[in-house]
Amino acid sequence: MAGLTLERVSCTFRHRRHEVHAVRDLDLRVPDGELVVLVGPSGCGKTTTLRLIAGLQEPTGGQIRIGERVVNRIPPKDRDVAMVFQGYALYPHMTVFKNLAFPLKMRAVSKGEIRRKVEETATKLRIAHLLDRRPAALSGGEKQRVALGRAWVRQPAVFLLDEPLSNLDPGLRTQMRAEWKALHRELRTTALHVTHDQEEAMTLGDRIAVMNNGILQQFGAPLEVYQRPANHFVASFIGAPPMNFFPGDLRTDGADLSFAGKIGRFAWPAQTAACRPLGGPMVLGIRPHDVRLTVDSVPSDAAFVCDATVHLVEPLGDCANVHLLTAAGERILARIASPHSHAVGQHARVAFDLAQAHLFAADETGQRLN
């Protein structure tokens, strides 16, 4: 195996007289044996990045290294990477055995070694009983295991996975996600996994890289990205249900601080203030899990923000999403543990756990301030 390094990698192309920056100055390092998940909305440059690494597309700038070897000008077949696609890309006329054996046969591996490696891989992926079947006789999950096996059987330096679970139904996707994570922990392969599903990214990756508009927004451990989002975009994209955002600014009242905006005006703890001079517009972000609802008193560990009316309740079994509307027209989303404690039209007092709140610049960077 080998690590993967991208240094200021860019990819620009023309589309209808316009220059499109698919990837911009991307710096990314996947250490040997680590699983990194590249996540972002459709069109953010994720798949283009995989194609650049695989050699299916040529970068317009920067350097790509696999191990210590610069591979920019090396043909795809000589880069020692294996790619798993969204659509499985299995040969329909071949059995599972022959699909797994194909990449080894192309490298002139002996028949005995091919059989040993195929059977070993099939056993690890629990598809040994399927070796005589053709893809048409397989379920979606079985096809995905075969696709993973065909990539793994020749033990490449780097795995590239382009949304491999997106065609599966939700239950099977969750199962395959757990299996892929366990398999990676056993094999310790260097892997870059692309997805637009932030839950998949959070649960799978040793680290996650968040992209938008071809630019890397943040790179770090999943909980680090969730708890300390670098900017407004990362905060809005990572986390379900999505974070609440309220424009306003911090104001000084003598020695005290307060946040003022359409949501209302309330005291702000000094220890969570912005790390820049106060004043000017900013955006308050608070996750639905950190919004408290009561009909009378406010919890001692939260700050009272405003009164609101329950607009919609989405029961989720053990919890519920409660949508609220303030008199000023601000919408608030709360995730509560008691699904039946609030009804549509009911009045509620809204409080925020400000120790968990975030402040973002109101400019185009959306940089996190506190």
Foldseek 3Di string as FASTA:
>chain_A
DFKKWWAQWWAWDDDPNDIATQAGGDTDIQGQLFEEEEAEDPSQNQVVVVCQLLVVDATPDTFIDTHNDTCRPPHNVPNQEFEQEQVLPFDQVAFLLCSLLVVVVVVVDDPVLSVVLSCVLCVLLVNNVRRGPGPVPDDLLSSLSSSVSSRPSVPTQEYEYENNLVVDDPVSSVVVLVSVQVSSVVVSHRYYHYDHDLVSNLVRGCKYFYTGSNYTQDIGHSVCCQQPPFFDVSQQRHDPPGKFKFKFFWDDDDPWIWTDGLQHIWTADPVQDFPDDGDDMKMKIAHQAQKDKDADDDDPQWTWGAKWFFADWADDDQWIWTWTAGPSGGIDIHIGRDRPPDDGGDMITITGNNVRMWMFHPDPSRGTGD
